[in-house]
Every structure is written in C-alpha cells, then in structure tokens.
Amino acid sequence: MSTSVKFSYRQYQEMIRLGLFNPPEEHRVELIFGKIVPVYGKSPMSPINPPHDSAVDRLNEWSFEVLPQGRVWVRVQGSIGIDAFESQPQPDLVWLIRKDYSRARPTPADVLLLVEVSDSTLKKDQGRKSRLYAKAGIRDYWIINIQNQTIEVRREPLGGKYQSLTVYHVGENVHPLAFPDVALAVGRLFPD
C-alpha cells in the first residue's frame, strides 16, 4: 500500500524559504496538484538530453528575435505560481506580461505563452501538466515533441481540458496568440 503526501502551495513556499531544496541543482522538483515531483524524468537528478537543451536554446533565441523590446519577459525554466491548484510548475519557456516579479511569482493571468519541451516527459506534459494549465486558464500551451519533431499547440481551455489541439510539423509555422504576426518555423527547433 502506498500513500502520498499532498502539500499546499503555501507549505511549498515555506519549504523553499527554509532551504529544504538546497542546493537547487540537486533538487529539480516542482509542485503539481499538491505533489512534489521531479521536473525531468523519474528522479530529481535525471540529466537533460542535448536535444532538449538545444530546443530550449532555440526557443529562447527566437523569442528575443521576434518579441517587441521591453514589452515581454522571457522566462526560461523558471516557475509560475498556480496556488488555486496547489501547483508551482517550472515550464521550459514562458512569455510573461512585463511587470515586476521580484516579490511574487507570475500567475496564470501573467502568461502570454507557455512551452514545455518534451522528450522523456511527454506523457506528463500531455496529461497532468496539460490538465493543470487548462484548469489554470493558460490560453496558449505548446509542447515541443522531440520524439516526433512536432509542436503540439493546445488552446481554448475549458473545464480542465483544452478544446483545441493542433499539431504542426517541420515545414509549417506556428503563430502565438499574443503576437499573431510572429511565426516560429517548426524546423528551426529540429536541425538536420
């Protein structure tokens, strides 16, 4: 018989404040629906694969190339707070409304685009994280599917599910909701 302990968002913040996850490089965890889970793979120490790192680097570079200067924060592998669902995920890339986050984490209302890069975490990103982001009202959620070399775009959150799912392949472009004139060529993330 297995039992799991659930934590509130506030309890998790207190654990961080007390330094229970220090050093952070040895404790890559996030709070998802009250459970403390590893960010990558099955253990907090799972290494990140080169294709994952490369996709995150390319997304970051693209973001700075296309976004209007001074209007958006680009957060790479940082956290957002979803206290209504006892969660503090660490997406791979988030575009945020530009304001001061030095005293409080961004919330779903601050998110313009949220991206998870998925290789070993694909099922989690398509399942549990997709439900979390939909419940939180994240309007534009992208999964970079390393295995299939696609971008899965989830939109129209309603009742804890995304009503729209579109898969983009190499040779196609994706346009973020917040800046529809901006395009990401899927092939940019998957070089030969």
N, C-alpha and C. Protein backbone atom coordinates (compact mmCIF):
# COMPACT_ATOMS: atom_id res chain seq x y z
N MET A 1 0.85 -1.18 0.00
CA MET A 1 0.00 0.00 0.00
C MET A 1 0.89 1.24 0.00
N SER A 2 0.54 2.17 -0.83
CA SER A 2 1.33 3.39 -0.96
C SER A 2 0.47 4.58 -0.57
N THR A 3 1.08 5.49 0.15
CA THR A 3 0.39 6.72 0.49
C THR A 3 1.22 7.88 -0.03
N SER A 4 0.54 8.90 -0.46
CA SER A 4 1.27 10.08 -0.90
C SER A 4 0.84 11.27 -0.06
N VAL A 5 1.79 12.13 0.17
CA VAL A 5 1.54 13.32 0.96
C VAL A 5 1.27 14.47 0.01
N LYS A 6 0.26 15.25 0.30
CA LYS A 6 -0.05 16.42 -0.51
C LYS A 6 0.34 17.67 0.28
N PHE A 7 0.83 18.66 -0.46
CA PHE A 7 1.25 19.91 0.15
C PHE A 7 0.44 21.05 -0.47
N SER A 8 0.19 22.05 0.34
CA SER A 8 -0.46 23.24 -0.19
C SER A 8 0.60 24.12 -0.84
N TYR A 9 0.14 25.05 -1.64
CA TYR A 9 1.04 26.00 -2.28
C TYR A 9 1.81 26.77 -1.21
N ARG A 10 1.14 27.18 -0.15
CA ARG A 10 1.80 27.93 0.93
C ARG A 10 2.84 27.08 1.66
N GLN A 11 2.53 25.81 1.91
CA GLN A 11 3.51 24.93 2.55
C GLN A 11 4.76 24.80 1.68
N TYR A 12 4.55 24.66 0.39
CA TYR A 12 5.67 24.53 -0.53
C TYR A 12 6.53 25.80 -0.53
N GLN A 13 5.89 26.98 -0.49
CA GLN A 13 6.63 28.23 -0.43
C GLN A 13 7.47 28.29 0.85
N GLU A 14 6.91 27.82 1.94
CA GLU A 14 7.64 27.81 3.21
C GLU A 14 8.83 26.85 3.15
N MET A 15 8.66 25.70 2.52
CA MET A 15 9.76 24.75 2.36
C MET A 15 10.89 25.38 1.56
N ILE A 16 10.54 26.12 0.51
CA ILE A 16 11.56 26.82 -0.28
C ILE A 16 12.26 27.86 0.58
N ARG A 17 11.47 28.64 1.33
CA ARG A 17 12.04 29.69 2.19
C ARG A 17 13.00 29.11 3.21
N LEU A 18 12.69 27.94 3.74
CA LEU A 18 13.53 27.30 4.75
C LEU A 18 14.77 26.62 4.16
N GLY A 19 14.85 26.57 2.83
CA GLY A 19 16.02 25.98 2.18
C GLY A 19 15.99 24.48 2.09
N LEU A 20 14.82 23.87 2.16
CA LEU A 20 14.73 22.41 2.13
C LEU A 20 15.11 21.80 0.78
N PHE A 21 15.16 22.62 -0.26
CA PHE A 21 15.52 22.11 -1.58
C PHE A 21 16.89 22.61 -2.02
N ASN A 22 17.72 22.96 -1.07
CA ASN A 22 19.06 23.44 -1.39
C ASN A 22 20.06 22.29 -1.34
N PRO A 23 21.05 22.27 -2.22
CA PRO A 23 21.23 23.18 -3.34
C PRO A 23 20.22 22.87 -4.44
N PRO A 24 19.72 23.91 -5.13
CA PRO A 24 18.66 23.72 -6.12
C PRO A 24 19.05 22.80 -7.28
N GLU A 25 20.32 22.79 -7.65
CA GLU A 25 20.74 21.93 -8.76
C GLU A 25 20.61 20.44 -8.44
N GLU A 26 20.49 20.11 -7.16
CA GLU A 26 20.30 18.71 -6.75
C GLU A 26 18.84 18.39 -6.47
N HIS A 27 17.97 19.38 -6.55
CA HIS A 27 16.55 19.19 -6.22
C HIS A 27 15.68 19.84 -7.29
N ARG A 28 15.73 19.34 -8.51
CA ARG A 28 14.91 19.89 -9.61
C ARG A 28 13.51 19.30 -9.49
N VAL A 29 12.71 19.93 -8.64
CA VAL A 29 11.35 19.47 -8.39
C VAL A 29 10.36 20.61 -8.61
N GLU A 30 9.10 20.24 -8.77
CA GLU A 30 8.03 21.22 -8.89
C GLU A 30 6.81 20.68 -8.16
N LEU A 31 5.90 21.56 -7.82
CA LEU A 31 4.66 21.19 -7.15
C LEU A 31 3.56 21.14 -8.19
N ILE A 32 2.95 19.96 -8.36
CA ILE A 32 1.87 19.77 -9.33
C ILE A 32 0.68 19.14 -8.61
N PHE A 33 -0.42 19.85 -8.54
CA PHE A 33 -1.62 19.38 -7.84
C PHE A 33 -1.29 18.86 -6.43
N GLY A 34 -0.43 19.58 -5.72
CA GLY A 34 -0.12 19.25 -4.34
C GLY A 34 0.96 18.19 -4.15
N LYS A 35 1.49 17.64 -5.22
CA LYS A 35 2.55 16.62 -5.13
C LYS A 35 3.88 17.21 -5.57
N ILE A 36 4.93 16.90 -4.85
CA ILE A 36 6.27 17.32 -5.23
C ILE A 36 6.82 16.25 -6.15
N VAL A 37 7.11 16.65 -7.39
CA VAL A 37 7.56 15.69 -8.40
C VAL A 37 8.83 16.20 -9.08
N PRO A 38 9.65 15.28 -9.62
CA PRO A 38 10.83 15.71 -10.36
C PRO A 38 10.45 16.48 -11.61
N VAL A 39 11.23 17.48 -11.95
CA VAL A 39 10.97 18.28 -13.15
C VAL A 39 11.22 17.44 -14.40
N TYR A 40 12.31 16.68 -14.43
CA TYR A 40 12.67 15.89 -15.60
C TYR A 40 12.83 14.44 -15.20
N GLY A 41 12.26 13.55 -15.99
CA GLY A 41 12.45 12.12 -15.78
C GLY A 41 11.84 11.62 -14.49
N LYS A 42 12.39 10.54 -14.00
CA LYS A 42 11.83 9.87 -12.84
C LYS A 42 12.50 10.26 -11.54
N SER A 43 13.65 10.91 -11.62
CA SER A 43 14.32 11.31 -10.39
C SER A 43 14.75 12.76 -10.50
N PRO A 44 14.88 13.44 -9.33
CA PRO A 44 15.28 14.84 -9.37
C PRO A 44 16.65 15.07 -9.99
N MET A 45 17.45 14.01 -10.11
CA MET A 45 18.80 14.15 -10.65
C MET A 45 18.90 13.70 -12.11
N SER A 46 17.76 13.43 -12.78
CA SER A 46 17.80 13.00 -14.17
C SER A 46 18.45 14.08 -15.03
N PRO A 47 19.43 13.70 -15.86
CA PRO A 47 20.06 14.69 -16.71
C PRO A 47 19.14 15.08 -17.87
N ILE A 48 19.33 16.28 -18.37
CA ILE A 48 18.57 16.77 -19.52
C ILE A 48 19.33 16.36 -20.77
N ASN A 49 18.61 15.86 -21.77
CA ASN A 49 19.23 15.41 -23.01
C ASN A 49 19.61 16.60 -23.91
N PRO A 50 20.67 16.44 -24.73
CA PRO A 50 21.08 17.52 -25.64
C PRO A 50 19.95 18.02 -26.56
N PRO A 51 19.10 17.16 -27.15
CA PRO A 51 18.03 17.72 -27.99
C PRO A 51 17.08 18.64 -27.21
N HIS A 52 16.85 18.33 -25.95
CA HIS A 52 16.01 19.17 -25.09
C HIS A 52 16.68 20.52 -24.89
N ASP A 53 17.93 20.50 -24.47
CA ASP A 53 18.69 21.75 -24.27
C ASP A 53 18.70 22.60 -25.54
N SER A 54 18.95 21.96 -26.66
CA SER A 54 19.03 22.67 -27.93
C SER A 54 17.70 23.33 -28.27
N ALA A 55 16.60 22.62 -28.08
CA ALA A 55 15.27 23.19 -28.37
C ALA A 55 14.99 24.39 -27.48
N VAL A 56 15.35 24.29 -26.19
CA VAL A 56 15.14 25.42 -25.27
C VAL A 56 15.99 26.61 -25.71
N ASP A 57 17.24 26.36 -26.07
CA ASP A 57 18.12 27.45 -26.54
C ASP A 57 17.54 28.12 -27.78
N ARG A 58 17.04 27.33 -28.72
CA ARG A 58 16.50 27.87 -29.96
C ARG A 58 15.20 28.65 -29.71
N LEU A 59 14.36 28.17 -28.80
CA LEU A 59 13.15 28.90 -28.43
C LEU A 59 13.49 30.24 -27.80
N ASN A 60 14.47 30.23 -26.94
CA ASN A 60 14.91 31.45 -26.27
C ASN A 60 15.44 32.46 -27.29
N GLU A 61 16.30 32.00 -28.18
CA GLU A 61 16.86 32.88 -29.21
C GLU A 61 15.74 33.45 -30.09
N TRP A 62 14.82 32.59 -30.54
CA TRP A 62 13.69 33.03 -31.37
C TRP A 62 12.87 34.09 -30.64
N SER A 63 12.61 33.85 -29.35
CA SER A 63 11.81 34.80 -28.56
C SER A 63 12.42 36.19 -28.58
N PHE A 64 13.71 36.27 -28.36
CA PHE A 64 14.37 37.58 -28.33
C PHE A 64 14.44 38.22 -29.72
N GLU A 65 14.44 37.41 -30.75
CA GLU A 65 14.46 37.95 -32.12
C GLU A 65 13.12 38.58 -32.50
N VAL A 66 12.01 37.97 -32.06
CA VAL A 66 10.70 38.37 -32.59
C VAL A 66 9.86 39.24 -31.67
N LEU A 67 10.13 39.23 -30.38
CA LEU A 67 9.29 39.98 -29.45
C LEU A 67 9.64 41.46 -29.44
N PRO A 68 8.63 42.31 -29.30
CA PRO A 68 8.92 43.75 -29.21
C PRO A 68 9.73 44.04 -27.94
N GLN A 69 10.81 44.75 -28.11
CA GLN A 69 11.71 45.03 -27.00
C GLN A 69 10.98 45.77 -25.89
N GLY A 70 11.18 45.29 -24.66
CA GLY A 70 10.64 45.96 -23.48
C GLY A 70 9.17 45.68 -23.19
N ARG A 71 8.53 44.78 -23.93
CA ARG A 71 7.10 44.52 -23.71
C ARG A 71 6.81 43.19 -23.03
N VAL A 72 7.75 42.25 -23.08
CA VAL A 72 7.51 40.90 -22.58
C VAL A 72 8.74 40.40 -21.84
N TRP A 73 8.54 39.68 -20.74
CA TRP A 73 9.63 38.96 -20.10
C TRP A 73 9.66 37.56 -20.71
N VAL A 74 10.85 37.06 -20.98
CA VAL A 74 11.02 35.68 -21.42
C VAL A 74 11.66 34.94 -20.26
N ARG A 75 10.94 33.98 -19.71
CA ARG A 75 11.42 33.21 -18.56
C ARG A 75 11.77 31.81 -19.03
N VAL A 76 13.00 31.39 -18.80
CA VAL A 76 13.47 30.08 -19.21
C VAL A 76 13.65 29.20 -17.97
N GLN A 77 12.91 28.11 -17.94
CA GLN A 77 12.97 27.10 -16.88
C GLN A 77 12.84 27.72 -15.49
N GLY A 78 11.94 28.69 -15.39
CA GLY A 78 11.61 29.31 -14.11
C GLY A 78 10.18 28.95 -13.74
N SER A 79 9.80 29.26 -12.53
CA SER A 79 8.49 28.82 -12.04
C SER A 79 7.40 29.87 -12.24
N ILE A 80 6.17 29.35 -12.23
CA ILE A 80 4.98 30.19 -12.14
C ILE A 80 4.15 29.64 -10.99
N GLY A 81 3.38 30.48 -10.34
CA GLY A 81 2.57 30.05 -9.20
C GLY A 81 1.11 29.84 -9.61
N ILE A 82 0.60 28.66 -9.30
CA ILE A 82 -0.82 28.36 -9.55
C ILE A 82 -1.40 27.88 -8.23
N ASP A 83 -1.53 28.82 -7.26
CA ASP A 83 -1.93 28.43 -5.92
C ASP A 83 -3.33 27.84 -5.85
N ALA A 84 -4.23 28.19 -6.76
CA ALA A 84 -5.59 27.64 -6.74
C ALA A 84 -5.58 26.12 -6.92
N PHE A 85 -4.53 25.60 -7.54
CA PHE A 85 -4.43 24.15 -7.76
C PHE A 85 -3.18 23.57 -7.10
N GLU A 86 -2.73 24.24 -6.02
CA GLU A 86 -1.58 23.76 -5.23
C GLU A 86 -0.42 23.36 -6.15
N SER A 87 -0.02 24.27 -7.04
CA SER A 87 0.99 23.95 -8.03
C SER A 87 1.97 25.09 -8.26
N GLN A 88 3.21 24.69 -8.53
CA GLN A 88 4.26 25.62 -8.92
C GLN A 88 5.14 24.93 -9.95
N PRO A 89 4.65 24.85 -11.20
CA PRO A 89 5.45 24.19 -12.24
C PRO A 89 6.61 25.06 -12.69
N GLN A 90 7.55 24.41 -13.39
CA GLN A 90 8.70 25.11 -13.96
C GLN A 90 8.76 24.82 -15.46
N PRO A 91 7.93 25.51 -16.23
CA PRO A 91 7.92 25.28 -17.68
C PRO A 91 9.28 25.62 -18.29
N ASP A 92 9.52 25.08 -19.48
CA ASP A 92 10.79 25.34 -20.14
C ASP A 92 10.91 26.77 -20.64
N LEU A 93 9.79 27.35 -21.09
CA LEU A 93 9.83 28.73 -21.56
C LEU A 93 8.44 29.34 -21.36
N VAL A 94 8.44 30.59 -20.88
CA VAL A 94 7.18 31.31 -20.69
C VAL A 94 7.39 32.75 -21.15
N TRP A 95 6.42 33.26 -21.88
CA TRP A 95 6.35 34.69 -22.16
C TRP A 95 5.40 35.29 -21.14
N LEU A 96 5.86 36.33 -20.46
CA LEU A 96 5.08 36.95 -19.39
C LEU A 96 4.81 38.42 -19.67
N ILE A 97 3.66 38.88 -19.21
CA ILE A 97 3.38 40.32 -19.21
C ILE A 97 4.53 40.98 -18.46
N ARG A 98 5.03 42.06 -18.99
CA ARG A 98 6.19 42.71 -18.38
C ARG A 98 5.75 43.54 -17.18
N LYS A 99 6.15 43.05 -16.00
CA LYS A 99 5.96 43.78 -14.75
C LYS A 99 6.95 43.22 -13.74
N ASP A 100 6.96 43.73 -12.55
CA ASP A 100 7.93 43.33 -11.53
C ASP A 100 7.49 42.04 -10.84
N TYR A 101 8.32 40.99 -10.97
CA TYR A 101 8.05 39.71 -10.31
C TYR A 101 9.05 39.44 -9.18
N SER A 102 9.68 40.47 -8.67
CA SER A 102 10.70 40.26 -7.65
C SER A 102 10.12 39.90 -6.28
N ARG A 103 8.83 40.15 -6.08
CA ARG A 103 8.22 39.86 -4.77
C ARG A 103 7.18 38.74 -4.83
N ALA A 104 6.78 38.37 -6.03
CA ALA A 104 5.79 37.31 -6.19
C ALA A 104 5.97 36.63 -7.54
N ARG A 105 5.70 35.34 -7.57
CA ARG A 105 5.81 34.60 -8.81
C ARG A 105 4.72 35.03 -9.80
N PRO A 106 4.99 34.90 -11.08
CA PRO A 106 3.94 35.14 -12.05
C PRO A 106 2.79 34.15 -11.84
N THR A 107 1.60 34.57 -12.19
CA THR A 107 0.42 33.71 -12.08
C THR A 107 -0.10 33.44 -13.50
N PRO A 108 -1.06 32.55 -13.65
CA PRO A 108 -1.60 32.28 -14.99
C PRO A 108 -2.08 33.53 -15.72
N ALA A 109 -2.58 34.52 -15.01
CA ALA A 109 -3.04 35.75 -15.65
C ALA A 109 -1.89 36.52 -16.32
N ASP A 110 -0.66 36.25 -15.91
CA ASP A 110 0.51 36.93 -16.46
C ASP A 110 1.09 36.23 -17.69
N VAL A 111 0.63 35.00 -17.97
CA VAL A 111 1.23 34.16 -19.01
C VAL A 111 0.65 34.48 -20.38
N LEU A 112 1.53 34.80 -21.33
CA LEU A 112 1.14 35.02 -22.72
C LEU A 112 1.34 33.77 -23.56
N LEU A 113 2.37 33.00 -23.25
CA LEU A 113 2.69 31.74 -23.94
C LEU A 113 3.45 30.87 -22.97
N LEU A 114 3.12 29.58 -22.92
CA LEU A 114 3.82 28.64 -22.06
C LEU A 114 4.24 27.45 -22.92
N VAL A 115 5.52 27.06 -22.80
CA VAL A 115 6.07 25.99 -23.63
C VAL A 115 6.77 24.96 -22.75
N GLU A 116 6.46 23.68 -23.00
CA GLU A 116 7.20 22.57 -22.41
C GLU A 116 7.91 21.85 -23.54
N VAL A 117 9.20 21.58 -23.36
CA VAL A 117 9.97 20.78 -24.32
C VAL A 117 9.97 19.36 -23.78
N SER A 118 9.50 18.42 -24.59
CA SER A 118 9.23 17.07 -24.09
C SER A 118 9.99 16.00 -24.86
N ASP A 119 10.76 15.26 -24.11
CA ASP A 119 11.30 14.00 -24.62
C ASP A 119 10.90 12.92 -23.63
N SER A 120 11.60 12.79 -22.52
CA SER A 120 11.22 11.78 -21.51
C SER A 120 9.97 12.18 -20.72
N THR A 121 9.55 13.43 -20.80
CA THR A 121 8.39 13.91 -20.03
C THR A 121 7.13 14.07 -20.87
N LEU A 122 7.10 13.51 -22.07
CA LEU A 122 5.99 13.73 -23.00
C LEU A 122 4.64 13.35 -22.40
N LYS A 123 4.52 12.19 -21.82
CA LYS A 123 3.23 11.75 -21.25
C LYS A 123 2.77 12.69 -20.15
N LYS A 124 3.70 13.12 -19.30
CA LYS A 124 3.36 14.05 -18.22
C LYS A 124 2.91 15.40 -18.77
N ASP A 125 3.59 15.88 -19.80
CA ASP A 125 3.25 17.18 -20.38
C ASP A 125 1.93 17.14 -21.13
N GLN A 126 1.62 16.01 -21.76
CA GLN A 126 0.35 15.85 -22.48
C GLN A 126 -0.81 15.54 -21.52
N GLY A 127 -0.49 15.01 -20.36
CA GLY A 127 -1.52 14.60 -19.41
C GLY A 127 -1.68 15.56 -18.24
N ARG A 128 -0.99 15.27 -17.17
CA ARG A 128 -1.14 16.01 -15.92
C ARG A 128 -0.88 17.51 -16.09
N LYS A 129 0.20 17.86 -16.80
CA LYS A 129 0.51 19.28 -16.96
C LYS A 129 -0.51 19.96 -17.87
N SER A 130 -0.95 19.30 -18.91
CA SER A 130 -1.97 19.86 -19.78
C SER A 130 -3.25 20.15 -19.00
N ARG A 131 -3.66 19.22 -18.14
CA ARG A 131 -4.85 19.44 -17.30
C ARG A 131 -4.64 20.62 -16.36
N LEU A 132 -3.46 20.70 -15.75
CA LEU A 132 -3.16 21.81 -14.84
C LEU A 132 -3.24 23.14 -15.57
N TYR A 133 -2.57 23.24 -16.70
CA TYR A 133 -2.55 24.51 -17.43
C TYR A 133 -3.93 24.88 -17.95
N ALA A 134 -4.72 23.89 -18.37
CA ALA A 134 -6.08 24.18 -18.82
C ALA A 134 -6.95 24.65 -17.66
N LYS A 135 -6.85 23.98 -16.52
CA LYS A 135 -7.62 24.40 -15.34
C LYS A 135 -7.24 25.81 -14.92
N ALA A 136 -5.96 26.14 -15.06
CA ALA A 136 -5.46 27.46 -14.65
C ALA A 136 -5.82 28.54 -15.68
N GLY A 137 -6.30 28.14 -16.85
CA GLY A 137 -6.70 29.11 -17.86
C GLY A 137 -5.58 29.61 -18.75
N ILE A 138 -4.47 28.86 -18.84
CA ILE A 138 -3.38 29.23 -19.74
C ILE A 138 -3.92 29.08 -21.17
N ARG A 139 -3.96 30.17 -21.92
CA ARG A 139 -4.63 30.18 -23.23
C ARG A 139 -3.80 29.59 -24.36
N ASP A 140 -2.48 29.62 -24.25
CA ASP A 140 -1.61 29.19 -25.35
C ASP A 140 -0.51 28.29 -24.77
N TYR A 141 -0.70 26.97 -24.88
CA TYR A 141 0.23 25.98 -24.32
C TYR A 141 0.79 25.15 -25.47
N TRP A 142 2.13 25.20 -25.61
CA TRP A 142 2.80 24.46 -26.67
C TRP A 142 3.65 23.35 -26.05
N ILE A 143 3.61 22.19 -26.68
CA ILE A 143 4.52 21.08 -26.32
C ILE A 143 5.43 20.85 -27.52
N ILE A 144 6.73 20.99 -27.29
CA ILE A 144 7.71 20.68 -28.32
C ILE A 144 7.99 19.18 -28.18
N ASN A 145 7.46 18.40 -29.10
CA ASN A 145 7.57 16.94 -29.05
C ASN A 145 8.85 16.54 -29.78
N ILE A 146 9.90 16.29 -29.00
CA ILE A 146 11.22 15.96 -29.55
C ILE A 146 11.15 14.66 -30.36
N GLN A 147 10.44 13.65 -29.83
CA GLN A 147 10.39 12.34 -30.49
C GLN A 147 9.80 12.42 -31.89
N ASN A 148 8.72 13.17 -32.05
CA ASN A 148 8.03 13.25 -33.35
C ASN A 148 8.41 14.48 -34.17
N GLN A 149 9.25 15.34 -33.61
CA GLN A 149 9.67 16.58 -34.25
C GLN A 149 8.46 17.41 -34.68
N THR A 150 7.58 17.65 -33.71
CA THR A 150 6.37 18.43 -33.93
C THR A 150 6.19 19.42 -32.80
N ILE A 151 5.28 20.37 -33.02
CA ILE A 151 4.83 21.27 -31.96
C ILE A 151 3.34 21.04 -31.79
N GLU A 152 2.94 20.64 -30.60
CA GLU A 152 1.53 20.43 -30.27
C GLU A 152 1.02 21.71 -29.61
N VAL A 153 0.04 22.36 -30.23
CA VAL A 153 -0.47 23.62 -29.71
C VAL A 153 -1.85 23.38 -29.12
N ARG A 154 -1.97 23.66 -27.81
CA ARG A 154 -3.23 23.49 -27.11
C ARG A 154 -3.78 24.87 -26.75
N ARG A 155 -5.08 25.06 -27.09
CA ARG A 155 -5.73 26.34 -26.84
C ARG A 155 -7.18 26.12 -26.43
N GLU A 156 -7.83 27.20 -26.05
CA GLU A 156 -9.24 27.20 -25.65
C GLU A 156 -9.48 26.31 -24.41
N PRO A 157 -8.87 26.68 -23.28
CA PRO A 157 -9.08 25.90 -22.06
C PRO A 157 -10.51 26.04 -21.56
N LEU A 158 -11.11 24.91 -21.23
CA LEU A 158 -12.48 24.91 -20.72
C LEU A 158 -12.69 23.65 -19.89
N GLY A 159 -13.09 23.82 -18.64
CA GLY A 159 -13.39 22.67 -17.78
C GLY A 159 -12.22 21.74 -17.55
N GLY A 160 -11.02 22.29 -17.48
CA GLY A 160 -9.84 21.46 -17.20
C GLY A 160 -9.31 20.73 -18.42
N LYS A 161 -9.79 21.09 -19.62
CA LYS A 161 -9.30 20.47 -20.85
C LYS A 161 -9.13 21.55 -21.92
N TYR A 162 -8.20 21.30 -22.81
CA TYR A 162 -8.06 22.17 -23.97
C TYR A 162 -9.01 21.68 -25.05
N GLN A 163 -9.79 22.61 -25.59
CA GLN A 163 -10.77 22.26 -26.62
C GLN A 163 -10.13 22.18 -28.01
N SER A 164 -8.97 22.81 -28.16
CA SER A 164 -8.29 22.84 -29.45
C SER A 164 -6.89 22.26 -29.32
N LEU A 165 -6.57 21.31 -30.20
CA LEU A 165 -5.23 20.74 -30.29
C LEU A 165 -4.86 20.68 -31.77
N THR A 166 -3.77 21.38 -32.12
CA THR A 166 -3.27 21.37 -33.49
C THR A 166 -1.81 20.95 -33.44
N VAL A 167 -1.43 20.02 -34.30
CA VAL A 167 -0.05 19.55 -34.37
C VAL A 167 0.60 20.12 -35.62
N TYR A 168 1.73 20.79 -35.42
CA TYR A 168 2.48 21.41 -36.52
C TYR A 168 3.75 20.59 -36.78
N HIS A 169 4.06 20.41 -38.06
CA HIS A 169 5.20 19.59 -38.48
C HIS A 169 6.28 20.46 -39.11
N VAL A 170 7.46 19.86 -39.30
CA VAL A 170 8.55 20.54 -40.00
C VAL A 170 8.02 21.00 -41.36
N GLY A 171 8.31 22.24 -41.70
CA GLY A 171 7.79 22.84 -42.93
C GLY A 171 6.61 23.77 -42.67
N GLU A 172 6.08 23.75 -41.44
CA GLU A 172 4.95 24.61 -41.09
C GLU A 172 5.40 25.66 -40.08
N ASN A 173 4.59 26.69 -39.91
CA ASN A 173 4.85 27.77 -38.95
C ASN A 173 3.76 27.79 -37.88
N VAL A 174 4.15 28.18 -36.67
CA VAL A 174 3.22 28.34 -35.55
C VAL A 174 3.20 29.82 -35.18
N HIS A 175 2.00 30.33 -34.87
CA HIS A 175 1.84 31.73 -34.51
C HIS A 175 1.27 31.82 -33.09
N PRO A 176 1.98 32.48 -32.16
CA PRO A 176 1.45 32.63 -30.80
C PRO A 176 0.23 33.55 -30.78
N LEU A 177 -0.70 33.26 -29.88
CA LEU A 177 -1.91 34.07 -29.76
C LEU A 177 -1.60 35.52 -29.42
N ALA A 178 -0.64 35.73 -28.53
CA ALA A 178 -0.35 37.09 -28.05
C ALA A 178 0.25 37.98 -29.12
N PHE A 179 0.95 37.39 -30.09
CA PHE A 179 1.58 38.13 -31.17
C PHE A 179 1.36 37.36 -32.48
N PRO A 180 0.17 37.42 -33.03
CA PRO A 180 -0.16 36.60 -34.20
C PRO A 180 0.66 36.88 -35.45
N ASP A 181 1.31 38.05 -35.52
CA ASP A 181 2.15 38.35 -36.68
C ASP A 181 3.53 37.68 -36.59
N VAL A 182 3.83 37.11 -35.44
CA VAL A 182 5.10 36.43 -35.21
C VAL A 182 4.94 34.96 -35.61
N ALA A 183 5.99 34.38 -36.19
CA ALA A 183 5.93 32.98 -36.60
C ALA A 183 7.17 32.22 -36.14
N LEU A 184 6.97 30.98 -35.75
CA LEU A 184 8.07 30.07 -35.46
C LEU A 184 8.01 28.94 -36.47
N ALA A 185 9.07 28.79 -37.25
CA ALA A 185 9.18 27.66 -38.18
C ALA A 185 9.53 26.43 -37.36
N VAL A 186 8.70 25.40 -37.45
CA VAL A 186 8.91 24.18 -36.65
C VAL A 186 10.31 23.62 -36.90
N GLY A 187 10.77 23.64 -38.15
CA GLY A 187 12.09 23.11 -38.48
C GLY A 187 13.24 23.79 -37.77
N ARG A 188 13.03 25.01 -37.31
CA ARG A 188 14.09 25.72 -36.58
C ARG A 188 14.50 24.98 -35.32
N LEU A 189 13.56 24.24 -34.72
CA LEU A 189 13.85 23.52 -33.47
C LEU A 189 14.49 22.16 -33.70
N PHE A 190 14.43 21.68 -34.94
CA PHE A 190 14.92 20.32 -35.25
C PHE A 190 15.89 20.35 -36.43
N PRO A 191 17.10 20.85 -36.20
CA PRO A 191 18.07 20.93 -37.30
C PRO A 191 18.51 19.54 -37.73
N ASP A 192 18.92 19.43 -39.00
CA ASP A 192 19.40 18.13 -39.52
C ASP A 192 20.68 17.72 -38.85
